[in-house]
Protein backbone atom coordinates (compact mmCIF):
# COMPACT_ATOMS: atom_id res chain seq x y z
CA MET A 1 -0.32 -36.27 9.33
CA LYS A 2 2.04 -35.00 6.65
CA GLU A 3 5.34 -33.55 7.81
CA TYR A 4 7.24 -30.67 6.21
CA ASP A 5 10.35 -28.67 6.97
CA LEU A 6 8.46 -25.42 6.48
CA ILE A 7 4.86 -24.27 6.24
CA VAL A 8 4.14 -20.88 4.68
CA ILE A 9 0.72 -19.25 5.01
CA GLY A 10 0.10 -16.81 2.15
CA SER A 11 1.34 -16.74 -1.44
CA GLY A 12 2.47 -13.12 -1.68
CA ALA A 13 5.93 -12.25 -0.39
CA GLY A 14 5.84 -15.49 1.62
CA THR A 15 6.71 -17.39 -1.54
CA ASN A 16 10.09 -15.60 -1.59
CA VAL A 17 11.12 -17.56 1.50
CA ALA A 18 9.25 -20.72 0.52
CA SER A 19 11.11 -20.95 -2.80
CA SER A 20 14.47 -20.31 -1.14
CA ILE A 21 13.97 -23.04 1.45
CA TYR A 22 12.66 -25.44 -1.20
CA GLN A 23 15.75 -24.84 -3.32
CA ARG A 24 17.84 -26.01 -0.36
CA GLY A 25 16.23 -29.42 -0.79
CA MET A 26 13.62 -29.14 1.96
CA LYS A 27 9.94 -30.04 1.98
CA VAL A 28 7.63 -27.02 1.86
CA ALA A 29 3.88 -26.62 2.23
CA LEU A 30 2.15 -23.47 0.98
CA VAL A 31 -1.32 -22.71 2.35
CA GLU A 32 -3.23 -20.28 0.12
CA HIS A 33 -6.98 -20.30 -0.50
CA GLY A 34 -6.97 -17.67 -3.24
CA ARG A 35 -5.09 -16.93 -6.44
CA MET A 36 -1.34 -17.31 -6.29
CA GLY A 37 0.54 -14.05 -5.82
CA GLY A 38 -1.34 -12.47 -2.96
CA THR A 39 -2.96 -9.04 -2.75
CA CYS A 40 -0.30 -7.13 -4.69
CA LEU A 41 -0.51 -9.16 -7.87
CA ASN A 42 -4.21 -9.95 -7.92
CA ARG A 43 -6.11 -7.05 -6.38
CA GLY A 44 -3.66 -4.44 -5.13
CA CYS A 45 -0.53 -2.68 -6.32
CA ILE A 46 -0.12 -4.06 -9.83
CA PRO A 47 -3.67 -4.12 -11.24
CA THR A 48 -4.52 -0.73 -9.74
CA LYS A 49 -1.42 0.87 -11.30
CA ILE A 50 -2.40 -0.59 -14.67
CA LEU A 51 -5.69 1.26 -14.27
CA THR A 52 -4.34 4.54 -12.88
CA TYR A 53 -1.80 4.78 -15.72
CA VAL A 54 -4.71 4.82 -18.16
CA ALA A 55 -6.37 7.50 -16.02
CA ASP A 56 -3.16 9.57 -16.10
CA LEU A 57 -3.22 9.57 -19.91
CA ILE A 58 -6.84 10.69 -20.00
CA VAL A 59 -6.37 13.52 -17.50
CA GLN A 60 -3.16 14.66 -19.20
CA SER A 61 -5.07 15.06 -22.45
CA GLU A 62 -7.08 17.76 -20.69
CA HIS A 63 -3.91 19.36 -19.35
CA GLY A 64 -2.57 19.58 -22.91
CA LYS A 65 -5.22 22.17 -23.77
CA LYS A 66 -3.60 24.63 -21.36
CA LEU A 67 -0.35 24.25 -23.27
CA GLY A 68 -1.87 24.93 -26.69
CA VAL A 69 -2.34 21.30 -27.70
CA LYS A 70 -5.97 20.37 -28.25
CA PHE A 71 -6.50 16.65 -28.41
CA GLY A 72 -9.38 14.80 -26.87
CA VAL A 73 -10.25 11.28 -25.87
CA GLU A 74 -12.20 9.86 -28.80
CA SER A 75 -13.59 6.91 -26.85
CA ILE A 76 -12.93 4.82 -23.77
CA ASP A 77 -13.11 1.06 -24.03
CA PHE A 78 -13.87 0.29 -20.38
CA GLU A 79 -14.28 -3.42 -20.97
CA GLY A 80 -11.02 -3.50 -22.92
CA ILE A 81 -9.16 -1.61 -20.17
CA MET A 82 -10.38 -4.02 -17.50
CA ASN A 83 -9.65 -7.06 -19.66
CA ARG A 84 -6.10 -5.85 -20.34
CA MET A 85 -5.55 -5.44 -16.60
CA ARG A 86 -6.71 -8.99 -15.93
CA GLU A 87 -4.74 -10.40 -18.87
CA GLU A 88 -1.57 -8.78 -17.54
CA ILE A 89 -1.79 -10.23 -14.04
CA ARG A 90 -3.52 -13.60 -14.35
CA PRO A 91 -0.86 -15.38 -16.47
CA ASP A 92 1.74 -14.57 -13.79
CA SER A 93 -0.52 -15.93 -11.08
CA ASN A 94 -1.28 -19.06 -13.11
CA LYS A 95 2.41 -19.60 -13.90
CA MET A 96 3.32 -19.40 -10.22
CA GLY A 97 0.65 -21.93 -9.32
CA GLU A 98 1.59 -24.33 -12.11
CA SER A 99 5.28 -24.31 -11.17
CA ILE A 100 4.43 -25.28 -7.60
CA ARG A 101 2.02 -28.00 -8.68
CA GLN A 102 4.75 -29.57 -10.78
CA ALA A 103 7.39 -29.38 -8.05
CA GLU A 104 8.18 -32.41 -5.95
CA ASN A 105 8.10 -31.88 -2.18
CA TYR A 106 6.52 -28.42 -2.62
CA ASP A 107 2.76 -28.73 -2.00
CA TRP A 108 0.08 -26.08 -2.42
CA TYR A 109 -2.98 -26.46 -0.19
CA GLU A 110 -5.73 -24.41 -1.85
CA VAL A 111 -7.79 -23.92 1.30
CA THR A 112 -8.06 -21.58 4.28
CA GLY A 113 -6.09 -23.60 6.77
CA GLU A 114 -6.31 -23.19 10.51
CA PHE A 115 -4.11 -24.16 13.43
CA VAL A 116 -5.41 -26.95 15.62
CA ASP A 117 -2.33 -27.56 17.79
CA ASP A 118 1.31 -26.54 18.20
CA TYR A 119 2.94 -26.33 14.75
CA THR A 120 -0.05 -28.20 13.32
CA MET A 121 -2.59 -27.03 10.75
CA LYS A 122 -5.79 -28.50 9.44
CA VAL A 123 -5.96 -28.03 5.66
CA GLY A 124 -9.20 -29.41 4.30
CA ASP A 125 -9.45 -33.02 5.41
CA GLU A 126 -5.75 -33.30 6.20
CA LYS A 127 -3.38 -32.21 8.92
CA ILE A 128 0.12 -30.92 8.28
CA THR A 129 2.98 -30.03 10.60
CA ALA A 130 6.41 -28.43 10.41
CA PRO A 131 9.04 -27.27 12.93
CA HIS A 132 9.25 -23.90 11.15
CA ILE A 133 6.27 -21.81 10.06
CA ILE A 134 5.91 -18.44 8.34
CA ILE A 135 2.74 -16.38 8.64
CA ALA A 136 2.45 -14.04 5.65
CA ALA A 137 -1.31 -14.27 5.32
CA GLY A 138 -1.95 -10.59 4.72
CA ALA A 139 -5.11 -8.63 5.35
CA ARG A 140 -8.51 -8.05 3.81
CA PRO A 141 -10.89 -5.09 3.48
CA LEU A 142 -12.27 -3.75 6.74
CA ILE A 143 -16.04 -3.40 6.49
CA PRO A 144 -17.28 -0.84 9.03
CA LYS A 145 -20.42 -1.30 11.08
CA ILE A 146 -22.76 0.79 8.96
CA LYS A 147 -26.52 0.35 9.27
CA GLY A 148 -27.83 -1.63 6.29
CA ILE A 149 -24.41 -2.67 4.96
CA GLU A 150 -25.31 -6.36 5.13
CA ASP A 151 -28.44 -5.79 3.04
CA ILE A 152 -26.82 -4.28 -0.04
CA ASP A 153 -24.27 -5.38 -2.62
CA TYR A 154 -21.13 -3.30 -2.39
CA HIS A 155 -17.64 -3.39 -3.88
CA THR A 156 -14.22 -3.63 -2.26
CA ASN A 157 -10.82 -3.41 -3.92
CA LYS A 158 -11.08 -7.18 -4.44
CA THR A 159 -14.39 -7.28 -6.29
CA LEU A 160 -13.56 -4.24 -8.44
CA MET A 161 -10.94 -6.28 -10.27
CA ASP A 162 -13.73 -8.40 -11.75
CA ILE A 163 -16.14 -5.62 -12.71
CA LYS A 164 -17.33 -5.94 -16.31
CA LYS A 165 -19.72 -3.04 -16.91
CA LYS A 166 -18.87 0.58 -16.27
CA PRO A 167 -21.25 2.07 -13.72
CA GLU A 168 -22.67 5.55 -14.23
CA SER A 169 -21.81 6.67 -10.72
CA PHE A 170 -19.87 5.53 -7.66
CA ILE A 171 -19.96 6.47 -3.98
CA ILE A 172 -16.59 5.76 -2.38
CA VAL A 173 -16.76 5.34 1.38
CA GLY A 174 -13.32 6.16 2.77
CA GLY A 175 -10.64 8.74 2.13
CA GLY A 176 -7.35 6.86 2.09
CA TYR A 177 -4.99 5.61 -0.63
CA VAL A 178 -7.43 3.09 -2.10
CA ALA A 179 -10.20 5.69 -2.31
CA ALA A 180 -7.96 8.29 -3.94
CA GLU A 181 -6.61 5.91 -6.58
CA PHE A 182 -9.92 4.35 -7.57
CA ALA A 183 -11.57 7.79 -7.60
CA HIS A 184 -8.91 8.97 -10.06
CA PHE A 185 -9.41 5.99 -12.36
CA PHE A 186 -13.19 5.81 -12.40
CA ASP A 187 -13.63 9.55 -12.79
CA ALA A 188 -11.18 9.56 -15.71
CA VAL A 189 -13.15 6.89 -17.57
CA GLY A 190 -16.42 8.80 -17.14
CA VAL A 191 -17.94 7.67 -13.85
CA LYS A 192 -19.49 10.29 -11.56
CA ILE A 193 -17.59 10.02 -8.27
CA THR A 194 -18.50 11.03 -4.72
CA ILE A 195 -15.89 10.47 -1.98
CA LEU A 196 -17.19 10.38 1.60
CA GLY A 197 -14.25 10.33 4.02
CA ARG A 198 -14.64 10.07 7.77
CA ASN A 199 -11.34 11.77 8.58
CA LYS A 200 -10.85 15.51 8.53
CA TYR A 201 -8.33 15.18 5.70
CA LEU A 202 -8.01 13.09 2.57
CA VAL A 203 -5.14 10.55 2.79
CA PRO A 204 -4.88 11.44 6.50
CA ASP A 205 -1.46 9.82 7.02
CA GLU A 206 0.07 12.66 5.02
CA ASP A 207 0.76 16.22 6.15
CA LYS A 208 -2.11 18.69 6.10
CA ASP A 209 -0.88 20.70 3.10
CA VAL A 210 -0.35 17.54 1.05
CA SER A 211 -3.86 16.34 1.85
CA GLU A 212 -5.40 19.72 1.11
CA LEU A 213 -3.67 20.06 -2.25
CA LEU A 214 -4.77 16.58 -3.31
CA GLU A 215 -8.34 17.28 -2.19
CA ASN A 216 -8.40 20.60 -4.04
CA GLU A 217 -7.20 19.03 -7.28
CA LEU A 218 -9.57 16.06 -7.10
CA SER A 219 -12.47 18.37 -6.22
CA LYS A 220 -12.11 19.99 -9.64
CA ARG A 221 -13.23 16.66 -11.12
CA MET A 222 -15.52 15.06 -8.52
CA THR A 223 -17.33 15.56 -5.21
CA VAL A 224 -14.95 15.15 -2.27
CA LEU A 225 -16.36 15.44 1.24
CA THR A 226 -14.08 14.87 4.21
CA ASN A 227 -15.18 14.77 7.85
CA HIS A 228 -18.34 12.96 6.71
CA GLU A 229 -19.18 9.64 8.33
CA VAL A 230 -21.49 7.26 6.49
CA ILE A 231 -24.03 6.06 9.07
CA GLU A 232 -26.47 4.15 6.85
CA VAL A 233 -26.67 2.60 3.39
CA LYS A 234 -29.67 1.22 1.51
CA GLU A 235 -31.11 0.62 -1.94
CA ASP A 236 -33.84 2.75 -3.46
CA GLY A 237 -35.16 2.69 -7.01
CA GLY A 238 -32.24 0.66 -8.31
CA LEU A 239 -29.66 3.00 -6.78
CA LYS A 240 -27.46 2.73 -3.73
CA VAL A 241 -28.07 5.39 -1.09
CA ALA A 242 -25.52 6.51 1.49
CA ILE A 243 -26.56 8.69 4.40
CA ALA A 244 -23.60 10.62 5.79
CA ARG A 245 -23.29 12.81 8.87
CA ASP A 246 -21.15 15.93 8.81
CA ARG A 247 -18.96 15.42 11.88
CA SER A 248 -18.59 19.18 12.34
CA SER A 249 -22.23 20.28 12.17
CA GLY A 250 -24.04 17.00 12.83
CA ASP A 251 -26.18 17.51 9.73
CA THR A 252 -27.00 14.47 7.57
CA LYS A 253 -27.29 14.24 3.81
CA GLU A 254 -28.22 11.56 1.29
CA PHE A 255 -26.03 10.58 -1.66
CA ARG A 256 -27.13 8.33 -4.52
CA ALA A 257 -25.10 6.31 -7.00
CA GLU A 258 -25.27 3.15 -9.03
CA GLU A 259 -22.52 1.47 -6.99
CA ILE A 260 -20.79 1.81 -3.62
CA LEU A 261 -17.11 1.06 -2.93
CA ILE A 262 -16.06 0.42 0.66
CA ALA A 263 -12.47 1.60 1.11
CA THR A 264 -12.22 2.13 4.85
CA GLY A 265 -9.01 0.29 5.68
CA ARG A 266 -7.77 -3.23 6.24
CA ARG A 267 -8.29 -5.89 8.86
CA SER A 268 -6.15 -8.85 9.89
CA ASN A 269 -6.64 -12.27 8.34
CA ALA A 270 -5.48 -13.90 11.57
CA ASP A 271 -9.00 -14.77 12.68
CA LEU A 272 -9.28 -17.07 9.66
CA PHE A 273 -6.45 -19.40 10.67
CA LYS A 274 -6.49 -19.13 14.51
CA PRO A 275 -2.78 -18.56 15.29
CA GLU A 276 -3.47 -18.55 19.03
CA LYS A 277 -3.91 -22.33 18.86
CA THR A 278 -0.20 -22.67 18.12
CA GLY A 279 0.84 -20.09 20.70
CA VAL A 280 1.18 -17.03 18.43
CA GLU A 281 0.06 -13.80 20.06
CA THR A 282 -1.95 -11.09 18.32
CA ASP A 283 -2.75 -7.55 19.42
CA GLU A 284 -6.22 -6.22 20.22
CA HIS A 285 -6.95 -5.76 16.51
CA GLY A 286 -5.83 -9.26 15.54
CA TRP A 287 -2.49 -8.30 13.98
CA ILE A 288 0.39 -10.71 14.52
CA LYS A 289 2.91 -9.49 17.12
CA VAL A 290 6.61 -9.86 16.26
CA ASP A 291 9.97 -8.72 17.64
CA GLU A 292 12.68 -6.82 15.77
CA PHE A 293 13.78 -10.05 14.06
CA LEU A 294 10.21 -10.79 12.87
CA ARG A 295 9.84 -13.68 15.32
CA THR A 296 6.39 -14.27 16.81
CA SER A 297 5.82 -15.25 20.44
CA LYS A 298 6.17 -18.92 19.42
CA LYS A 299 9.64 -20.32 18.77
CA ASN A 300 10.43 -20.84 15.07
CA ILE A 301 7.22 -19.20 13.87
CA TRP A 302 7.85 -16.00 11.93
CA ALA A 303 5.54 -13.38 10.46
CA PHE A 304 5.79 -10.45 8.08
CA GLY A 305 3.91 -8.37 5.51
CA ASP A 306 0.38 -7.05 5.91
CA ALA A 307 -0.21 -9.63 8.66
CA LEU A 308 1.63 -7.26 11.02
CA GLY A 309 -0.78 -4.37 10.41
CA HIS A 310 1.72 -1.62 9.63
CA ASP A 311 3.65 -0.42 6.56
CA MET A 312 1.36 -2.52 4.39
CA PHE A 313 3.24 -2.25 1.10
CA ARG A 314 4.62 -5.04 -1.05
CA HIS A 315 8.07 -3.49 -1.18
CA VAL A 316 8.17 -3.62 2.62
CA ALA A 317 7.00 -7.23 2.65
CA ASN A 318 9.69 -8.13 0.11
CA ASP A 319 12.36 -6.57 2.33
CA GLN A 320 10.95 -8.31 5.38
CA SER A 321 10.98 -11.61 3.50
CA GLN A 322 14.73 -11.22 2.96
CA VAL A 323 15.21 -10.66 6.69
CA VAL A 324 13.15 -13.75 7.53
CA GLN A 325 14.88 -15.79 4.84
CA HIS A 326 18.26 -14.95 6.38
CA ASN A 327 17.08 -15.58 9.93
CA ILE A 328 15.28 -18.84 9.31
CA THR A 329 18.25 -20.15 7.31
CA GLN A 330 20.59 -19.26 10.18
CA VAL A 331 18.32 -21.00 12.69
CA MET A 332 18.04 -24.13 10.54
CA LYS A 333 21.82 -24.23 10.08
CA ALA A 334 22.36 -23.85 13.83
CA GLU A 335 19.93 -26.71 14.48
CA GLU A 336 21.82 -28.91 12.03
CA ASP A 337 25.14 -28.03 13.68
CA GLY A 338 23.79 -28.37 17.19
CA SER A 339 24.75 -24.77 17.93
CA ASP A 340 22.98 -22.23 20.11
CA GLU A 341 24.67 -19.23 18.51
CA VAL A 342 22.57 -17.55 15.83
CA GLU A 343 23.23 -14.15 14.26
CA LEU A 344 19.89 -12.68 13.28
CA ALA A 345 19.12 -9.70 11.04
CA SER A 346 16.58 -7.02 11.91
CA MET A 347 14.34 -4.81 9.82
CA SER A 348 14.84 -1.04 9.65
CA TYR A 349 11.77 1.15 9.17
CA HIS A 350 13.47 4.56 9.20
CA ALA A 351 13.04 5.21 5.48
CA ILE A 352 9.97 3.41 4.18
CA PRO A 353 8.78 5.02 0.94
CA ARG A 354 5.12 5.02 -0.01
CA ALA A 355 3.09 6.45 -2.85
CA VAL A 356 -0.48 7.30 -3.83
CA PHE A 357 -1.02 6.97 -7.57
CA SER A 358 -3.85 9.47 -7.70
CA TYR A 359 -3.70 12.76 -9.60
CA PRO A 360 -1.58 14.51 -8.54
CA GLN A 361 0.61 11.70 -7.31
CA VAL A 362 1.85 11.67 -3.72
CA ALA A 363 5.02 10.11 -2.31
CA THR A 364 6.48 10.14 1.18
CA VAL A 365 9.56 8.62 2.80
CA GLY A 366 10.51 8.54 6.46
CA MET A 367 8.83 11.08 8.71
CA THR A 368 6.16 13.55 7.76
CA LEU A 369 6.60 17.08 9.07
CA LYS A 370 3.98 16.42 11.71
CA GLU A 371 5.88 13.34 12.92
CA ALA A 372 9.24 15.14 12.86
CA LYS A 373 7.84 17.98 15.00
CA GLU A 374 6.91 15.43 17.66
CA THR A 375 10.56 14.42 18.10
CA ASP A 376 13.11 16.31 20.21
CA ARG A 377 15.39 16.96 17.22
CA GLU A 378 16.31 20.39 15.92
CA LEU A 379 14.91 20.46 12.40
CA LEU A 380 15.84 21.92 9.06
CA VAL A 381 12.89 22.11 6.67
CA GLY A 382 12.96 23.02 3.01
CA LYS A 383 10.21 23.34 0.43
CA SER A 384 10.17 23.99 -3.30
CA LYS A 385 7.27 24.16 -5.72
CA TYR A 386 7.36 22.51 -9.13
CA GLU A 387 6.87 25.91 -10.74
CA ASN A 388 10.15 27.10 -9.19
CA VAL A 389 12.28 25.04 -11.60
CA ALA A 390 12.60 25.36 -15.36
CA LYS A 391 11.16 21.92 -16.12
CA GLY A 392 8.12 22.68 -13.96
CA MET A 393 7.58 25.87 -15.91
CA ALA A 394 7.90 23.92 -19.18
CA MET A 395 5.25 21.46 -17.94
CA GLY A 396 2.73 24.26 -17.43
CA ARG A 397 3.47 24.97 -13.76
CA PRO A 398 1.62 22.00 -12.23
CA ASN A 399 0.43 22.36 -8.65
CA GLY A 400 2.85 20.47 -6.47
CA PHE A 401 5.84 20.73 -4.16
CA VAL A 402 8.69 18.88 -2.51
CA ARG A 403 9.31 19.21 1.23
CA VAL A 404 12.40 17.78 2.90
CA ILE A 405 13.25 17.46 6.60
CA ALA A 406 16.70 16.99 8.12
CA ASP A 407 18.37 16.97 11.52
CA ARG A 408 20.03 20.38 11.97
CA LYS A 409 22.98 19.05 13.96
CA SER A 410 23.89 15.86 12.08
CA GLY A 411 22.62 16.60 8.58
CA GLU A 412 20.67 13.33 8.60
CA ILE A 413 17.65 13.27 6.30
CA LEU A 414 14.59 12.44 8.38
CA GLY A 415 11.88 12.44 5.73
CA ALA A 416 10.34 14.01 2.66
CA SER A 417 6.95 14.48 1.04
CA ILE A 418 6.29 15.14 -2.63
CA ILE A 419 2.99 15.87 -4.34
CA GLY A 420 2.91 16.39 -8.08
CA PRO A 421 3.92 14.70 -11.34
CA TYR A 422 6.28 11.73 -11.00
CA ALA A 423 6.35 11.99 -7.19
CA PRO A 424 7.03 8.23 -6.71
CA ILE A 425 10.05 8.50 -9.02
CA LEU A 426 11.42 11.70 -7.48
CA ILE A 427 11.19 10.36 -3.93
CA GLN A 428 13.65 7.58 -4.75
CA GLU A 429 16.57 10.04 -4.95
CA ILE A 430 15.91 10.97 -1.31
CA THR A 431 15.20 7.40 -0.21
CA ASN A 432 18.57 6.23 -1.55
CA LEU A 433 20.41 8.88 0.46
CA MET A 434 18.54 7.79 3.59
CA TYR A 435 20.10 4.33 3.21
CA THR A 436 23.69 5.60 3.04
CA GLU A 437 25.98 5.26 6.06
CA ASN A 438 25.30 8.65 7.66
CA ARG A 439 22.06 9.49 5.78
CA SER A 440 23.40 12.96 4.99
CA PHE A 441 21.83 15.43 2.57
CA MET A 442 25.25 16.71 1.43
CA PRO A 443 25.50 14.38 -1.62
CA MET A 444 22.38 16.13 -2.94
CA PHE A 445 24.45 19.28 -3.38
CA ARG A 446 27.59 17.53 -4.62
CA ALA A 447 25.72 15.65 -7.34
CA ILE A 448 25.29 17.50 -10.63
CA HIS A 449 21.64 17.57 -11.66
CA ILE A 450 20.61 17.74 -15.30
CA HIS A 451 19.20 21.12 -16.28
CA PRO A 452 16.40 21.52 -17.02
CA ALA A 453 15.04 18.31 -15.52
CA LEU A 454 12.45 17.71 -12.81
CA PRO A 455 14.84 16.31 -10.14
CA GLU A 456 16.07 19.89 -9.74
CA VAL A 457 12.94 20.54 -7.67
CA VAL A 458 14.25 18.01 -5.12
CA GLN A 459 17.67 19.66 -5.00
CA ARG A 460 16.01 23.07 -4.75
CA ALA A 461 14.01 21.92 -1.70
CA PHE A 462 17.20 20.92 0.10
CA GLY A 463 18.74 24.26 -0.87
CA ALA A 464 15.81 26.06 0.70
CA MET A 465 16.21 24.42 4.11
CA SER A 466 16.07 26.64 7.17
CA PRO A 467 15.50 26.08 10.90
CA LEU A 468 11.95 25.08 11.70
CA GLY A 469 9.77 28.13 12.14
CA GLU A 470 6.19 29.33 11.90
CA HIS A 471 6.43 29.51 8.10
CA HIS A 472 6.86 25.72 8.01
CA HIS A 473 3.39 24.23 8.28
């Protein structure tokens, strides 16, 4: 059995800690069966944003006509777009892998390892052990129990990264972030899109008016059906067929397309490596359970990232990796010194920003209005449309708005939602204030905003705040 100082499962944000510990002169084992870099680099955040940026350019060419500028898309090189995406991400993945292969005392096990005993993993034909272990193994697409799903070929966000030929049509099963982003891209490059979402609203984690605006805008380009549950899929005449039931009326309808994308959520990877065999507890869905310091139920085994099943964003995993890096370093130092006193850091989730790179873009930080209403706080709520500021008017009055929420007594910003152009950029101004000492909205008024520039719509939303009432919905 080979012994290490640290074993890390997963090559996404887990490598942040692995590299740090290795640089301290310790022996590290990395267990990763796939491409180096994890979901974000290979099949998530980065490649999808390469694609949606292209889609933005195409859709904006249509918008230009409303402003008196007529320019069209002469042609779309689908193969070239997909190749560029792969050429951008794969060298980084390869470089990461090569650097580890060349490192002494830093070993990459390119298998799906599994625990066989306390602090012990079976990796291929070998066994490895370490007194400290990090589980950052992520998640994978959740495939729902749909009749016939095992009898057809379907795509997930993973397989789409390798698609070579542009299909004529796509059925997207699911109505979340993945569905909205891929729908935007494939429609823009000329694929007929049908979204079949089980939930009542598109991107259901957002507030109702955000979801409705996004659905209305996407519906101008494609078929979007929410509250429709796909109950059966099959192949017929070379096409994929999805049978969906309207959850309101109970009626069923058939939809046909060349390809089907399953985008119905994520499931834990824990079942692949059997953490229970080393004493690590999971919840009823298989997600790893941790405390506020990101410790699992087993001493000196830590977990973070998508493996936890919430806030599944790379920027969150990166922040969590810094917390774990600090904590595991403190524990190792205490062990070396023979001390029992360890000062651990915890992770704050009060202001987690997220974004949907569809069209229009959506960004949220902290609480949604629905979540804020469920608290016992007295609320101030403000809303401003893009068209209410000079830059929005100059841009052709795009549909979109900023909503901000604050505590009436303390002035603390509780959350914000933005839907419209550059939403992920605009939300950062609010996010930064939420990480100041008292999280107050007052600096928003003290700071001079360039006129006319789009951030004025954020300032205008704060200026429009009033006590929560019936007009806030």
